[in-house]
Protein backbone atom coordinates (compact mmCIF):
# COMPACT_ATOMS: atom_id res chain seq x y z
CA MET A 1 5.84 10.26 -3.24
CA SER A 2 7.09 13.78 -2.62
CA LEU A 3 5.77 17.18 -3.54
CA GLY A 4 8.24 19.90 -2.74
CA GLN A 5 9.48 19.10 0.74
CA GLU A 6 6.36 17.15 1.72
CA VAL A 7 6.60 13.34 1.58
CA PHE A 8 3.41 11.31 1.27
CA THR A 9 3.12 7.62 2.15
CA ASP A 10 -0.63 7.29 1.61
CA LEU A 11 -3.54 8.94 -0.15
CA ASP A 12 -7.02 8.52 1.33
CA PHE A 13 -10.29 8.87 -0.57
CA ALA A 14 -13.86 8.26 0.63
CA ASP A 15 -13.57 4.47 1.04
CA ASP A 16 -10.31 3.90 -0.84
CA VAL A 17 -6.71 4.11 0.33
CA SER A 18 -3.51 4.18 -1.68
CA ILE A 19 -0.38 3.18 0.25
CA MET A 20 3.05 3.89 -1.22
CA ALA A 21 6.31 2.27 -0.19
CA GLU A 22 9.78 1.91 -1.67
CA MET A 23 10.16 -1.71 -0.52
CA LEU A 24 7.71 -4.61 -0.67
CA GLU A 25 8.44 -5.50 2.97
CA VAL A 26 7.42 -2.01 4.09
CA LEU A 27 4.24 -2.21 2.02
CA ILE A 28 3.30 -5.55 3.58
CA LEU A 29 3.88 -4.16 7.08
CA ALA A 30 1.73 -1.10 6.25
CA LEU A 31 -1.07 -3.35 4.96
CA GLU A 32 -0.92 -5.50 8.11
CA ILE A 33 -1.13 -2.41 10.33
CA MET A 34 -4.00 -0.99 8.26
CA ASN A 35 -5.83 -4.32 8.59
CA GLU A 36 -5.38 -4.38 12.38
CA GLU A 37 -6.47 -0.76 12.82
CA SER A 38 -9.46 -1.23 10.50
CA SER A 39 -10.58 -4.41 12.27
CA ALA A 40 -10.42 -2.66 15.63
CA ARG A 41 -12.94 -0.14 14.26
CA GLY A 42 -15.26 -2.75 12.77
CA LEU A 43 -14.07 -2.24 9.19
CA GLU A 44 -13.06 -5.00 6.84
CA ILE A 45 -10.61 -4.83 3.94
CA ASN A 46 -11.79 -6.56 0.77
CA TRP A 47 -8.57 -8.37 -0.18
CA ASN A 48 -10.16 -9.54 -3.46
CA LYS A 49 -10.28 -5.91 -4.58
CA THR A 50 -6.81 -5.02 -3.25
CA LYS A 51 -4.20 -4.33 -5.93
CA ILE A 52 -0.43 -3.89 -5.87
CA GLN A 53 1.11 -1.70 -8.54
CA ALA A 54 4.87 -1.50 -8.95
CA SER A 55 6.79 1.26 -10.70
CA ASN A 56 10.46 1.99 -11.34
CA ILE A 57 11.54 -1.60 -10.74
CA SER A 58 13.46 -4.06 -12.88
CA SER A 59 11.71 -6.86 -14.75
CA SER A 60 13.39 -9.46 -12.49
CA MET A 61 11.70 -7.86 -9.47
CA VAL A 62 8.33 -7.91 -11.23
CA SER A 63 8.55 -11.66 -11.78
CA HIS A 64 9.39 -12.05 -8.07
CA LEU A 65 6.16 -10.20 -7.13
CA CYS A 66 3.90 -12.38 -9.29
């Protein structure tokens, strides 16, 4: 996401994180890195509460994600 000339790849809130990526492969890599870094600090990601939201993609890509 961009705002002016600034490009954001994540938004962090108290205990929530929103990661943005243009490709599913990049998103998966970011989630893996976040999991490793979190684990190293004694934090655990609740994968049952983790959601993936897609926007600006074709319906054929949506069916591939499900």
